[in-house]
Amino acid sequence: MKDAEWIADLLQHGLLKASFIPKPQQQEVRDLTRTRTTLIQERSRLVNRIHKVLEDANLKIGSVVSDSTGMTGSAILNVLIHGQEHPERLADLAHGSLRKKREQLIAALQGQLKVHHLVLLQELLTLVASLDHSIARLDREIAERLHPFEALITRIDEVTGLARRGIEVLFGELGWDMSQFPDAAHAASWVGICPGNHETGGKRLSGRIRQGNRWAKAVLVQAAHAAAHTQS
């Protein structure tokens, strides 16, 4: 009760700042982007599971094909689950620059799928295809809701390390009207990407960042890594 009275007294004297509560339009975008992010993460787990099944069958596709669900990877997997295991014929399905790695593909495809491998691959590929459909649908829905801000998204997309999906997540979490934050430092603090400053006796004890908003933080950390590995 005393705490409540103290908070009420602070409010009467204008010493409390309102919390950041997104408007309904932003909350809807946030729900959509968070669901899409969750589905993308689930898709990554399924793809990793596909790699594990292939490794168990001694098929080292991942060592040659960076994306096992891309054009070449999908073509090879679709033929594999229908019973074709001849390495040379599978290597002929390569697209683009992977055609130059035909010999490496042939060596990577020297394996043998058992019946249970085929069953697992069929189920996993079906789940991946279903997630692809759902993610594409969410992409369209999010793009439609953010269409009024297309010019701003295009401008932000020029920032090294950021991509459209990441920008859409930031719009859902931070919004497109940044006036609720006094400056960039306040926004960074709210997200939770400011290093801690715990010092005593001239010794720094901890620089751990606060918890913050994990959705926006993940996008900004990925953008920073991408920018750091981009040649200027």
C-alpha atoms as a PDB file:
ATOM      1  CA  MET A   1       0.000   0.000   0.000  1.00  0.00           C
ATOM      2  CA  LYS A   2       2.834   2.397   0.783  1.00  0.00           C
ATOM      3  CA  ASP A   3       4.432   1.665  -2.580  1.00  0.00           C
ATOM      4  CA  ALA A   4       1.129   2.427  -4.333  1.00  0.00           C
ATOM      5  CA  GLU A   5       0.782   5.707  -2.426  1.00  0.00           C
ATOM      6  CA  TRP A   6       4.340   6.674  -3.344  1.00  0.00           C
ATOM      7  CA  ILE A   7       3.759   5.928  -7.049  1.00  0.00           C
ATOM      8  CA  ALA A   8       0.505   7.893  -6.992  1.00  0.00           C
ATOM      9  CA  ASP A   9       2.305  10.853  -5.372  1.00  0.00           C
ATOM     10  CA  LEU A  10       5.028  10.767  -8.019  1.00  0.00           C
ATOM     11  CA  LEU A  11       2.395  10.684 -10.752  1.00  0.00           C
ATOM     12  CA  GLN A  12       0.593  13.725  -9.304  1.00  0.00           C
ATOM     13  CA  HIS A  13       3.838  15.688  -9.424  1.00  0.00           C
ATOM     14  CA  GLY A  14       4.593  14.632 -12.977  1.00  0.00           C
ATOM     15  CA  LEU A  15       7.657  12.627 -12.022  1.00  0.00           C
ATOM     16  CA  LEU A  16       6.635   9.435 -13.812  1.00  0.00           C
ATOM     17  CA  LYS A  17       7.140   8.802 -17.514  1.00  0.00           C
ATOM     18  CA  ALA A  18       4.598   6.774 -19.451  1.00  0.00           C
ATOM     19  CA  SER A  19       5.660   3.327 -20.630  1.00  0.00           C
ATOM     20  CA  PHE A  20       6.013   2.666 -24.355  1.00  0.00           C
ATOM     21  CA  ILE A  21       2.776   0.999 -25.417  1.00  0.00           C
ATOM     22  CA  PRO A  22       2.553   0.339 -29.176  1.00  0.00           C
ATOM     23  CA  LYS A  23      -0.530   1.440 -31.061  1.00  0.00           C
ATOM     24  CA  PRO A  24      -2.902  -1.287 -32.327  1.00  0.00           C
ATOM     25  CA  GLN A  25      -1.547  -1.097 -35.892  1.00  0.00           C
ATOM     26  CA  GLN A  26       2.003  -1.689 -34.660  1.00  0.00           C
ATOM     27  CA  GLN A  27       0.900  -4.457 -32.292  1.00  0.00           C
ATOM     28  CA  GLU A  28      -0.680  -6.296 -35.214  1.00  0.00           C
ATOM     29  CA  VAL A  29       2.523  -6.021 -37.247  1.00  0.00           C
ATOM     30  CA  ARG A  30       4.473  -7.179 -34.178  1.00  0.00           C
ATOM     31  CA  ASP A  31       2.296 -10.284 -33.800  1.00  0.00           C
ATOM     32  CA  LEU A  32       2.807 -11.138 -37.461  1.00  0.00           C
ATOM     33  CA  THR A  33       6.588 -10.601 -37.479  1.00  0.00           C
ATOM     34  CA  ARG A  34       7.076 -12.558 -34.256  1.00  0.00           C
ATOM     35  CA  THR A  35       5.071 -15.483 -35.601  1.00  0.00           C
ATOM     36  CA  ARG A  36       7.067 -15.393 -38.847  1.00  0.00           C
ATOM     37  CA  THR A  37      10.357 -15.338 -36.923  1.00  0.00           C
ATOM     38  CA  THR A  38       9.239 -18.356 -34.905  1.00  0.00           C
ATOM     39  CA  LEU A  39       8.329 -20.237 -38.098  1.00  0.00           C
ATOM     40  CA  ILE A  40      11.671 -19.358 -39.701  1.00  0.00           C
ATOM     41  CA  GLN A  41      13.481 -20.696 -36.631  1.00  0.00           C
ATOM     42  CA  GLU A  42      11.413 -23.870 -36.761  1.00  0.00           C
ATOM     43  CA  ARG A  43      12.276 -24.243 -40.449  1.00  0.00           C
ATOM     44  CA  SER A  44      15.979 -23.975 -39.622  1.00  0.00           C
ATOM     45  CA  ARG A  45      15.610 -26.750 -37.043  1.00  0.00           C
ATOM     46  CA  LEU A  46      13.930 -28.972 -39.628  1.00  0.00           C
ATOM     47  CA  VAL A  47      16.673 -28.294 -42.173  1.00  0.00           C
ATOM     48  CA  ASN A  48      19.270 -29.234 -39.566  1.00  0.00           C
ATOM     49  CA  ARG A  49      17.328 -32.437 -38.986  1.00  0.00           C
ATOM     50  CA  ILE A  50      17.438 -33.157 -42.727  1.00  0.00           C
ATOM     51  CA  HIS A  51      21.222 -32.727 -42.656  1.00  0.00           C
ATOM     52  CA  LYS A  52      21.423 -35.169 -39.749  1.00  0.00           C
ATOM     53  CA  VAL A  53      19.417 -37.794 -41.652  1.00  0.00           C
ATOM     54  CA  LEU A  54      21.622 -37.356 -44.713  1.00  0.00           C
ATOM     55  CA  GLU A  55      24.785 -37.619 -42.607  1.00  0.00           C
ATOM     56  CA  ASP A  56      23.445 -40.840 -41.084  1.00  0.00           C
ATOM     57  CA  ALA A  57      23.101 -42.200 -44.625  1.00  0.00           C
ATOM     58  CA  ASN A  58      26.670 -41.029 -45.400  1.00  0.00           C
ATOM     59  CA  LEU A  59      25.435 -38.427 -47.864  1.00  0.00           C
ATOM     60  CA  LYS A  60      27.614 -35.309 -47.434  1.00  0.00           C
ATOM     61  CA  ILE A  61      25.499 -32.910 -49.491  1.00  0.00           C
ATOM     62  CA  GLY A  62      25.953 -30.135 -46.951  1.00  0.00           C
ATOM     63  CA  SER A  63      29.715 -30.099 -47.547  1.00  0.00           C
ATOM     64  CA  VAL A  64      29.150 -29.015 -51.162  1.00  0.00           C
ATOM     65  CA  VAL A  65      25.683 -27.408 -51.250  1.00  0.00           C
ATOM     66  CA  SER A  66      25.368 -24.533 -48.795  1.00  0.00           C
ATOM     67  CA  ASP A  67      21.553 -24.561 -48.882  1.00  0.00           C
ATOM     68  CA  SER A  68      20.125 -28.069 -48.956  1.00  0.00           C
ATOM     69  CA  THR A  69      16.642 -26.644 -49.626  1.00  0.00           C
ATOM     70  CA  GLY A  70      17.767 -24.387 -52.462  1.00  0.00           C
ATOM     71  CA  MET A  71      17.363 -25.205 -56.158  1.00  0.00           C
ATOM     72  CA  THR A  72      20.100 -27.835 -56.341  1.00  0.00           C
ATOM     73  CA  GLY A  73      19.485 -29.276 -52.872  1.00  0.00           C
ATOM     74  CA  SER A  74      15.727 -29.546 -53.401  1.00  0.00           C
ATOM     75  CA  ALA A  75      16.158 -31.167 -56.812  1.00  0.00           C
ATOM     76  CA  ILE A  76      18.532 -33.783 -55.389  1.00  0.00           C
ATOM     77  CA  LEU A  77      16.381 -34.480 -52.312  1.00  0.00           C
ATOM     78  CA  ASN A  78      13.191 -34.845 -54.350  1.00  0.00           C
ATOM     79  CA  VAL A  79      14.853 -37.409 -56.609  1.00  0.00           C
ATOM     80  CA  LEU A  80      16.439 -39.209 -53.648  1.00  0.00           C
ATOM     81  CA  ILE A  81      13.127 -39.776 -51.871  1.00  0.00           C
ATOM     82  CA  HIS A  82      11.759 -41.327 -55.069  1.00  0.00           C
ATOM     83  CA  GLY A  83      14.446 -43.984 -55.114  1.00  0.00           C
ATOM     84  CA  GLN A  84      17.172 -42.536 -57.346  1.00  0.00           C
ATOM     85  CA  GLU A  85      20.570 -42.939 -55.649  1.00  0.00           C
ATOM     86  CA  HIS A  86      22.991 -42.946 -58.595  1.00  0.00           C
ATOM     87  CA  PRO A  87      25.600 -40.255 -57.690  1.00  0.00           C
ATOM     88  CA  GLU A  88      26.362 -39.254 -61.285  1.00  0.00           C
ATOM     89  CA  ARG A  89      22.708 -38.731 -62.171  1.00  0.00           C
ATOM     90  CA  LEU A  90      22.084 -36.825 -58.955  1.00  0.00           C
ATOM     91  CA  ALA A  91      25.093 -34.575 -59.635  1.00  0.00           C
ATOM     92  CA  ASP A  92      23.619 -33.724 -63.038  1.00  0.00           C
ATOM     93  CA  LEU A  93      20.787 -31.909 -61.212  1.00  0.00           C
ATOM     94  CA  ALA A  94      23.154 -29.153 -60.062  1.00  0.00           C
ATOM     95  CA  HIS A  95      22.222 -25.575 -60.927  1.00  0.00           C
ATOM     96  CA  GLY A  96      24.348 -22.494 -61.527  1.00  0.00           C
ATOM     97  CA  SER A  97      27.868 -22.413 -60.120  1.00  0.00           C
ATOM     98  CA  LEU A  98      27.402 -25.839 -58.519  1.00  0.00           C
ATOM     99  CA  ARG A  99      27.753 -27.401 -61.963  1.00  0.00           C
ATOM    100  CA  LYS A 100      31.474 -26.681 -61.626  1.00  0.00           C
ATOM    101  CA  LYS A 101      31.521 -28.867 -58.498  1.00  0.00           C
ATOM    102  CA  ARG A 102      30.154 -31.967 -60.185  1.00  0.00           C
ATOM    103  CA  GLU A 103      33.013 -34.209 -59.066  1.00  0.00           C
ATOM    104  CA  GLN A 104      32.684 -32.987 -55.479  1.00  0.00           C
ATOM    105  CA  LEU A 105      28.941 -33.661 -55.601  1.00  0.00           C
ATOM    106  CA  ILE A 106      29.500 -37.176 -56.893  1.00  0.00           C
ATOM    107  CA  ALA A 107      31.909 -37.862 -54.024  1.00  0.00           C
ATOM    108  CA  ALA A 108      29.472 -36.361 -51.493  1.00  0.00           C
ATOM    109  CA  LEU A 109      26.609 -38.527 -52.765  1.00  0.00           C
ATOM    110  CA  GLN A 110      28.371 -41.841 -52.179  1.00  0.00           C
ATOM    111  CA  GLY A 111      25.949 -43.060 -49.545  1.00  0.00           C
ATOM    112  CA  GLN A 112      22.966 -45.299 -49.049  1.00  0.00           C
ATOM    113  CA  LEU A 113      19.502 -44.364 -47.862  1.00  0.00           C
ATOM    114  CA  LYS A 114      17.633 -46.964 -45.861  1.00  0.00           C
ATOM    115  CA  VAL A 115      13.858 -47.205 -45.770  1.00  0.00           C
ATOM    116  CA  HIS A 116      13.546 -45.272 -42.516  1.00  0.00           C
ATOM    117  CA  HIS A 117      15.769 -42.505 -43.972  1.00  0.00           C
ATOM    118  CA  LEU A 118      13.343 -42.124 -46.875  1.00  0.00           C
ATOM    119  CA  VAL A 119      10.373 -41.929 -44.526  1.00  0.00           C
ATOM    120  CA  LEU A 120      12.081 -39.278 -42.395  1.00  0.00           C
ATOM    121  CA  LEU A 121      13.139 -37.202 -45.395  1.00  0.00           C
ATOM    122  CA  GLN A 122       9.645 -37.292 -46.896  1.00  0.00           C
ATOM    123  CA  GLU A 123       8.074 -36.112 -43.640  1.00  0.00           C
ATOM    124  CA  LEU A 124      10.683 -33.425 -43.015  1.00  0.00           C
ATOM    125  CA  LEU A 125      10.471 -32.064 -46.559  1.00  0.00           C
ATOM    126  CA  THR A 126       6.666 -31.963 -46.284  1.00  0.00           C
ATOM    127  CA  LEU A 127       6.948 -29.938 -43.079  1.00  0.00           C
ATOM    128  CA  VAL A 128       9.493 -27.568 -44.637  1.00  0.00           C
ATOM    129  CA  ALA A 129       7.210 -27.012 -47.643  1.00  0.00           C
ATOM    130  CA  SER A 130       4.282 -26.264 -45.318  1.00  0.00           C
ATOM    131  CA  LEU A 131       6.368 -23.748 -43.362  1.00  0.00           C
ATOM    132  CA  ASP A 132       7.537 -22.122 -46.608  1.00  0.00           C
ATOM    133  CA  HIS A 133       3.896 -21.607 -47.558  1.00  0.00           C
ATOM    134  CA  SER A 134       3.045 -20.107 -44.160  1.00  0.00           C
ATOM    135  CA  ILE A 135       6.100 -17.839 -44.139  1.00  0.00           C
ATOM    136  CA  ALA A 136       5.297 -16.578 -47.648  1.00  0.00           C
ATOM    137  CA  ARG A 137       1.736 -15.809 -46.578  1.00  0.00           C
ATOM    138  CA  LEU A 138       2.979 -13.834 -43.571  1.00  0.00           C
ATOM    139  CA  ASP A 139       5.467 -12.014 -45.826  1.00  0.00           C
ATOM    140  CA  ARG A 140       2.591 -10.820 -48.005  1.00  0.00           C
ATOM    141  CA  GLU A 141       0.438  -9.818 -45.034  1.00  0.00           C
ATOM    142  CA  ILE A 142       3.238  -7.853 -43.375  1.00  0.00           C
ATOM    143  CA  ALA A 143       4.197  -6.148 -46.647  1.00  0.00           C
ATOM    144  CA  GLU A 144       0.587  -5.100 -47.175  1.00  0.00           C
ATOM    145  CA  ARG A 145       0.299  -3.590 -43.689  1.00  0.00           C
ATOM    146  CA  LEU A 146       3.597  -1.739 -44.042  1.00  0.00           C
ATOM    147  CA  HIS A 147       2.947  -0.572 -47.607  1.00  0.00           C
ATOM    148  CA  PRO A 148       2.378   3.070 -46.496  1.00  0.00           C
ATOM    149  CA  PHE A 149       5.965   3.096 -45.209  1.00  0.00           C
ATOM    150  CA  GLU A 150       7.526   1.531 -48.304  1.00  0.00           C
ATOM    151  CA  ALA A 151       9.694   4.576 -49.050  1.00  0.00           C
ATOM    152  CA  LEU A 152      11.083   4.560 -45.493  1.00  0.00           C
ATOM    153  CA  ILE A 153      11.747   0.804 -45.637  1.00  0.00           C
ATOM    154  CA  THR A 154      13.587   1.223 -48.939  1.00  0.00           C
ATOM    155  CA  ARG A 155      15.720   3.961 -47.431  1.00  0.00           C
ATOM    156  CA  ILE A 156      16.585   1.951 -44.309  1.00  0.00           C
ATOM    157  CA  ASP A 157      17.349  -1.066 -46.516  1.00  0.00           C
ATOM    158  CA  GLU A 158      20.404   0.849 -47.744  1.00  0.00           C
ATOM    159  CA  VAL A 159      22.002   0.430 -44.312  1.00  0.00           C
ATOM    160  CA  THR A 160      24.722  -2.228 -44.493  1.00  0.00           C
ATOM    161  CA  GLY A 161      23.727  -5.412 -42.696  1.00  0.00           C
ATOM    162  CA  LEU A 162      19.974  -4.827 -42.645  1.00  0.00           C
ATOM    163  CA  ALA A 163      17.512  -6.667 -44.879  1.00  0.00           C
ATOM    164  CA  ARG A 164      13.793  -6.190 -45.424  1.00  0.00           C
ATOM    165  CA  ARG A 165      12.639  -8.858 -42.984  1.00  0.00           C
ATOM    166  CA  GLY A 166      14.847  -7.407 -40.274  1.00  0.00           C
ATOM    167  CA  ILE A 167      13.495  -3.924 -40.919  1.00  0.00           C
ATOM    168  CA  GLU A 168       9.940  -5.239 -40.667  1.00  0.00           C
ATOM    169  CA  VAL A 169      10.774  -6.797 -37.293  1.00  0.00           C
ATOM    170  CA  LEU A 170      12.191  -3.469 -36.085  1.00  0.00           C
ATOM    171  CA  PHE A 171       9.020  -1.710 -37.250  1.00  0.00           C
ATOM    172  CA  GLY A 172       6.959  -4.209 -35.286  1.00  0.00           C
ATOM    173  CA  GLU A 173       9.039  -3.831 -32.125  1.00  0.00           C
ATOM    174  CA  LEU A 174      10.149  -0.179 -32.176  1.00  0.00           C
ATOM    175  CA  GLY A 175       7.560   1.277 -34.528  1.00  0.00           C
ATOM    176  CA  TRP A 176       7.957   3.676 -37.430  1.00  0.00           C
ATOM    177  CA  ASP A 177       7.443   6.784 -35.275  1.00  0.00           C
ATOM    178  CA  MET A 178      10.561   7.031 -33.125  1.00  0.00           C
ATOM    179  CA  SER A 179       9.380  10.131 -31.242  1.00  0.00           C
ATOM    180  CA  GLN A 180       8.649   7.956 -28.180  1.00  0.00           C
ATOM    181  CA  PHE A 181      12.428   7.731 -27.679  1.00  0.00           C
ATOM    182  CA  PRO A 182      14.285  10.990 -26.880  1.00  0.00           C
ATOM    183  CA  ASP A 183      17.318   9.857 -28.887  1.00  0.00           C
ATOM    184  CA  ALA A 184      19.096   6.822 -30.329  1.00  0.00           C
ATOM    185  CA  ALA A 185      20.772   6.047 -27.003  1.00  0.00           C
ATOM    186  CA  HIS A 186      17.387   5.694 -25.283  1.00  0.00           C
ATOM    187  CA  ALA A 187      16.148   3.405 -28.062  1.00  0.00           C
ATOM    188  CA  ALA A 188      19.305   1.268 -27.797  1.00  0.00           C
ATOM    189  CA  SER A 189      18.844   1.067 -24.029  1.00  0.00           C
ATOM    190  CA  TRP A 190      15.212  -0.007 -24.423  1.00  0.00           C
ATOM    191  CA  VAL A 191      16.202  -2.754 -26.858  1.00  0.00           C
ATOM    192  CA  GLY A 192      18.943  -3.869 -24.477  1.00  0.00           C
ATOM    193  CA  ILE A 193      22.077  -3.515 -26.581  1.00  0.00           C
ATOM    194  CA  CYS A 194      23.903  -1.009 -24.353  1.00  0.00           C
ATOM    195  CA  PRO A 195      26.782  -2.591 -22.406  1.00  0.00           C
ATOM    196  CA  GLY A 196      26.511  -2.566 -18.646  1.00  0.00           C
ATOM    197  CA  ASN A 197      28.667  -0.251 -16.544  1.00  0.00           C
ATOM    198  CA  HIS A 198      29.324  -1.885 -13.192  1.00  0.00           C
ATOM    199  CA  GLU A 199      32.494  -0.506 -11.662  1.00  0.00           C
ATOM    200  CA  THR A 200      33.736  -0.346  -8.119  1.00  0.00           C
ATOM    201  CA  GLY A 201      37.096   0.745  -6.799  1.00  0.00           C
ATOM    202  CA  GLY A 202      38.260   1.513 -10.318  1.00  0.00           C
ATOM    203  CA  LYS A 203      37.613  -2.062 -11.438  1.00  0.00           C
ATOM    204  CA  ARG A 204      35.034  -2.985 -14.013  1.00  0.00           C
ATOM    205  CA  LEU A 205      33.101  -5.993 -12.743  1.00  0.00           C
ATOM    206  CA  SER A 206      30.554  -6.595 -15.485  1.00  0.00           C
ATOM    207  CA  GLY A 207      29.666  -5.297 -18.934  1.00  0.00           C
ATOM    208  CA  ARG A 208      26.755  -7.610 -19.495  1.00  0.00           C
ATOM    209  CA  ILE A 209      23.855  -6.093 -21.432  1.00  0.00           C
ATOM    210  CA  ARG A 210      20.335  -5.992 -20.028  1.00  0.00           C
ATOM    211  CA  GLN A 211      17.580  -8.322 -21.178  1.00  0.00           C
ATOM    212  CA  GLY A 212      15.617  -5.788 -23.254  1.00  0.00           C
ATOM    213  CA  ASN A 213      13.594  -6.699 -26.334  1.00  0.00           C
ATOM    214  CA  ARG A 214      14.956 -10.019 -27.627  1.00  0.00           C
ATOM    215  CA  TRP A 215      13.231  -9.760 -31.034  1.00  0.00           C
ATOM    216  CA  ALA A 216      14.738  -6.393 -31.975  1.00  0.00           C
ATOM    217  CA  LYS A 217      18.042  -7.280 -30.305  1.00  0.00           C
ATOM    218  CA  ALA A 218      18.429 -10.414 -32.444  1.00  0.00           C
ATOM    219  CA  VAL A 219      17.930  -8.403 -35.647  1.00  0.00           C
ATOM    220  CA  LEU A 220      20.420  -5.699 -34.645  1.00  0.00           C
ATOM    221  CA  VAL A 221      23.051  -8.225 -33.541  1.00  0.00           C
ATOM    222  CA  GLN A 222      22.695 -10.101 -36.850  1.00  0.00           C
ATOM    223  CA  ALA A 223      22.929  -6.809 -38.743  1.00  0.00           C
ATOM    224  CA  ALA A 224      26.096  -5.884 -36.846  1.00  0.00           C
ATOM    225  CA  HIS A 225      27.706  -9.243 -37.654  1.00  0.00           C
ATOM    226  CA  ALA A 226      26.724  -8.928 -41.320  1.00  0.00           C
ATOM    227  CA  ALA A 227      28.066  -5.367 -41.516  1.00  0.00           C
ATOM    228  CA  ALA A 228      31.324  -6.411 -39.837  1.00  0.00           C
ATOM    229  CA  HIS A 229      31.879  -9.074 -42.510  1.00  0.00           C
ATOM    230  CA  THR A 230      30.950  -6.822 -45.422  1.00  0.00           C
ATOM    231  CA  GLN A 231      33.795  -5.350 -47.437  1.00  0.00           C
ATOM    232  CA  SER A 232      33.409  -1.619 -47.912  1.00  0.00           C
END
